Amino acid sequence: MATKENVLTRTDDFIKWFLPKIERFPRNYKFLFGDRLVEIQLDVLENLIEAYYRKEKLANLRAANVGVEKLRHLLQISTEMRFMSFDQLEYATRSLNQIGSLVGGWIRQQEGKHGPA
């Protein structure tokens, strides 16, 4: 259970770190691009919570893993558009890599129980 709680905590922390960053996005991108970034982050969190409580976890874990990858790409674009600094991207990438590693480990653990899908 510690890994699951750890990935939830890290995801919560990432969202709390990121939310104030949206305020610095240009107004014409804040509501479209910023909202999309937050929507994906919340989808990742929701998928992890559902995986935590469901017997069949793999679909939610895989969806969370795809969401983490989407975030990596969108944050890279945010940096290229100068909505975020390179230092912020570096921190975000490190955080998402940690979250992704934990999700990947959880997926492998679940596949070991049920066999690969």
C-alpha atoms as a PDB file:
ATOM      1  CA  MET A   1       0.000   0.000   0.000  1.00  0.00           C
ATOM      2  CA  ALA A   2       2.892   2.410   0.618  1.00  0.00           C
ATOM      3  CA  THR A   3       3.658   2.753  -3.124  1.00  0.00           C
ATOM      4  CA  LYS A   4       0.065   3.606  -3.938  1.00  0.00           C
ATOM      5  CA  GLU A   5      -0.099   6.208  -1.187  1.00  0.00           C
ATOM      6  CA  ASN A   6       3.263   7.566  -2.308  1.00  0.00           C
ATOM      7  CA  VAL A   7       2.142   8.023  -5.929  1.00  0.00           C
ATOM      8  CA  LEU A   8      -1.064   9.711  -4.783  1.00  0.00           C
ATOM      9  CA  THR A   9       0.882  12.039  -2.501  1.00  0.00           C
ATOM     10  CA  ARG A  10       3.386  12.895  -5.227  1.00  0.00           C
ATOM     11  CA  THR A  11       0.575  13.565  -7.698  1.00  0.00           C
ATOM     12  CA  ASP A  12      -1.230  15.775  -5.171  1.00  0.00           C
ATOM     13  CA  ASP A  13       2.002  17.671  -4.533  1.00  0.00           C
ATOM     14  CA  PHE A  14       2.624  18.126  -8.258  1.00  0.00           C
ATOM     15  CA  ILE A  15      -0.864  19.536  -8.827  1.00  0.00           C
ATOM     16  CA  LYS A  16      -0.494  21.931  -5.886  1.00  0.00           C
ATOM     17  CA  TRP A  17       2.883  23.066  -7.238  1.00  0.00           C
ATOM     18  CA  PHE A  18       1.550  23.553 -10.770  1.00  0.00           C
ATOM     19  CA  LEU A  19      -1.751  25.366 -10.144  1.00  0.00           C
ATOM     20  CA  PRO A  20      -0.159  28.754  -9.315  1.00  0.00           C
ATOM     21  CA  LYS A  21       1.941  28.516 -12.504  1.00  0.00           C
ATOM     22  CA  ILE A  22      -1.190  28.909 -14.623  1.00  0.00           C
ATOM     23  CA  GLU A  23      -1.598  32.456 -13.346  1.00  0.00           C
ATOM     24  CA  ARG A  24       1.534  33.381 -15.301  1.00  0.00           C
ATOM     25  CA  PHE A  25       0.282  31.998 -18.595  1.00  0.00           C
ATOM     26  CA  PRO A  26      -0.726  34.685 -21.102  1.00  0.00           C
ATOM     27  CA  ARG A  27      -4.429  35.426 -20.856  1.00  0.00           C
ATOM     28  CA  ASN A  28      -5.217  34.176 -24.347  1.00  0.00           C
ATOM     29  CA  TYR A  29      -3.668  30.757 -23.498  1.00  0.00           C
ATOM     30  CA  LYS A  30      -4.476  30.492 -19.802  1.00  0.00           C
ATOM     31  CA  PHE A  31      -8.021  29.273 -20.221  1.00  0.00           C
ATOM     32  CA  LEU A  32      -7.431  26.937 -23.136  1.00  0.00           C
ATOM     33  CA  PHE A  33      -3.950  25.529 -22.570  1.00  0.00           C
ATOM     34  CA  GLY A  34      -3.855  25.993 -18.795  1.00  0.00           C
ATOM     35  CA  ASP A  35      -7.253  24.385 -18.309  1.00  0.00           C
ATOM     36  CA  ARG A  36      -6.216  21.424 -20.455  1.00  0.00           C
ATOM     37  CA  LEU A  37      -3.084  20.905 -18.363  1.00  0.00           C
ATOM     38  CA  VAL A  38      -5.106  20.959 -15.150  1.00  0.00           C
ATOM     39  CA  GLU A  39      -7.765  18.669 -16.636  1.00  0.00           C
ATOM     40  CA  ILE A  40      -5.123  16.063 -17.506  1.00  0.00           C
ATOM     41  CA  GLN A  41      -3.542  16.346 -14.053  1.00  0.00           C
ATOM     42  CA  LEU A  42      -6.903  15.799 -12.392  1.00  0.00           C
ATOM     43  CA  ASP A  43      -7.617  12.865 -14.723  1.00  0.00           C
ATOM     44  CA  VAL A  44      -4.304  11.296 -13.678  1.00  0.00           C
ATOM     45  CA  LEU A  45      -5.163  11.778 -10.010  1.00  0.00           C
ATOM     46  CA  GLU A  46      -8.676  10.376 -10.486  1.00  0.00           C
ATOM     47  CA  ASN A  47      -7.353   7.329 -12.334  1.00  0.00           C
ATOM     48  CA  LEU A  48      -4.855   6.659  -9.545  1.00  0.00           C
ATOM     49  CA  ILE A  49      -7.547   6.991  -6.877  1.00  0.00           C
ATOM     50  CA  GLU A  50      -9.838   4.644  -8.809  1.00  0.00           C
ATOM     51  CA  ALA A  51      -6.994   2.154  -9.232  1.00  0.00           C
ATOM     52  CA  TYR A  52      -6.348   2.323  -5.504  1.00  0.00           C
ATOM     53  CA  TYR A  53      -9.906   1.292  -4.697  1.00  0.00           C
ATOM     54  CA  ARG A  54     -10.801  -1.008  -7.589  1.00  0.00           C
ATOM     55  CA  LYS A  55     -10.080  -4.682  -7.780  1.00  0.00           C
ATOM     56  CA  GLU A  56      -9.241  -4.392 -11.497  1.00  0.00           C
ATOM     57  CA  LYS A  57      -6.556  -1.708 -11.543  1.00  0.00           C
ATOM     58  CA  LEU A  58      -4.730  -2.029 -14.866  1.00  0.00           C
ATOM     59  CA  ALA A  59      -7.038   0.074 -17.069  1.00  0.00           C
ATOM     60  CA  ASN A  60      -6.887   3.010 -14.663  1.00  0.00           C
ATOM     61  CA  LEU A  61      -3.136   2.677 -14.180  1.00  0.00           C
ATOM     62  CA  ARG A  62      -2.528   2.619 -17.929  1.00  0.00           C
ATOM     63  CA  ALA A  63      -4.759   5.684 -18.377  1.00  0.00           C
ATOM     64  CA  ALA A  64      -2.800   7.487 -15.646  1.00  0.00           C
ATOM     65  CA  ASN A  65       0.458   6.524 -17.348  1.00  0.00           C
ATOM     66  CA  VAL A  66      -0.742   7.977 -20.675  1.00  0.00           C
ATOM     67  CA  GLY A  67      -1.813  11.139 -18.844  1.00  0.00           C
ATOM     68  CA  VAL A  68       1.670  11.548 -17.375  1.00  0.00           C
ATOM     69  CA  GLU A  69       3.133  11.294 -20.878  1.00  0.00           C
ATOM     70  CA  LYS A  70       0.662  13.886 -22.189  1.00  0.00           C
ATOM     71  CA  LEU A  71       1.698  16.232 -19.406  1.00  0.00           C
ATOM     72  CA  ARG A  72       5.376  15.844 -20.288  1.00  0.00           C
ATOM     73  CA  HIS A  73       4.689  16.934 -23.858  1.00  0.00           C
ATOM     74  CA  LEU A  74       2.353  19.797 -22.991  1.00  0.00           C
ATOM     75  CA  LEU A  75       4.752  21.154 -20.385  1.00  0.00           C
ATOM     76  CA  GLN A  76       7.550  21.050 -22.953  1.00  0.00           C
ATOM     77  CA  ILE A  77       5.364  23.118 -25.285  1.00  0.00           C
ATOM     78  CA  SER A  78       4.574  25.504 -22.410  1.00  0.00           C
ATOM     79  CA  THR A  79       8.280  26.073 -21.912  1.00  0.00           C
ATOM     80  CA  GLU A  80       8.954  26.548 -25.618  1.00  0.00           C
ATOM     81  CA  MET A  81       6.156  29.147 -25.700  1.00  0.00           C
ATOM     82  CA  ARG A  82       7.781  30.770 -22.635  1.00  0.00           C
ATOM     83  CA  PHE A  83       4.767  30.206 -20.383  1.00  0.00           C
ATOM     84  CA  MET A  84       7.096  28.412 -17.952  1.00  0.00           C
ATOM     85  CA  SER A  85      10.795  28.724 -17.232  1.00  0.00           C
ATOM     86  CA  PHE A  86      13.334  26.025 -18.028  1.00  0.00           C
ATOM     87  CA  ASP A  87      13.862  25.526 -14.273  1.00  0.00           C
ATOM     88  CA  GLN A  88      10.139  24.942 -13.822  1.00  0.00           C
ATOM     89  CA  LEU A  89      10.158  22.439 -16.682  1.00  0.00           C
ATOM     90  CA  GLU A  90      13.117  20.670 -15.120  1.00  0.00           C
ATOM     91  CA  TYR A  91      11.312  20.370 -11.777  1.00  0.00           C
ATOM     92  CA  ALA A  92       8.083  19.259 -13.491  1.00  0.00           C
ATOM     93  CA  THR A  93       9.938  16.659 -15.553  1.00  0.00           C
ATOM     94  CA  ARG A  94      11.662  15.242 -12.468  1.00  0.00           C
ATOM     95  CA  SER A  95       8.338  15.075 -10.623  1.00  0.00           C
ATOM     96  CA  LEU A  96       6.534  13.452 -13.547  1.00  0.00           C
ATOM     97  CA  ASN A  97       9.372  10.950 -13.977  1.00  0.00           C
ATOM     98  CA  GLN A  98       9.000   9.944 -10.323  1.00  0.00           C
ATOM     99  CA  ILE A  99       5.229   9.638 -10.679  1.00  0.00           C
ATOM    100  CA  GLY A 100       5.637   7.705 -13.946  1.00  0.00           C
ATOM    101  CA  SER A 101       8.127   5.319 -12.350  1.00  0.00           C
ATOM    102  CA  LEU A 102       5.768   4.611  -9.476  1.00  0.00           C
ATOM    103  CA  VAL A 103       2.822   4.076 -11.832  1.00  0.00           C
ATOM    104  CA  GLY A 104       4.962   1.841 -14.064  1.00  0.00           C
ATOM    105  CA  GLY A 105       6.022  -0.232 -11.063  1.00  0.00           C
ATOM    106  CA  TRP A 106       2.413  -0.554  -9.962  1.00  0.00           C
ATOM    107  CA  ILE A 107       1.450  -1.665 -13.475  1.00  0.00           C
ATOM    108  CA  ARG A 108       4.208  -4.323 -13.521  1.00  0.00           C
ATOM    109  CA  GLN A 109       3.113  -5.524 -10.084  1.00  0.00           C
ATOM    110  CA  GLN A 110      -0.507  -5.831 -11.271  1.00  0.00           C
ATOM    111  CA  GLU A 111       0.525  -7.570 -14.492  1.00  0.00           C
ATOM    112  CA  GLY A 112       2.453 -10.066 -12.395  1.00  0.00           C
ATOM    113  CA  LYS A 113      -0.782 -10.909 -10.569  1.00  0.00           C
ATOM    114  CA  HIS A 114      -2.926 -11.202 -13.694  1.00  0.00           C
ATOM    115  CA  GLY A 115      -0.473 -11.782 -16.529  1.00  0.00           C
ATOM    116  CA  PRO A 116       0.156  -9.213 -19.285  1.00  0.00           C
ATOM    117  CA  ALA A 117      -2.890  -7.921 -21.128  1.00  0.00           C
END
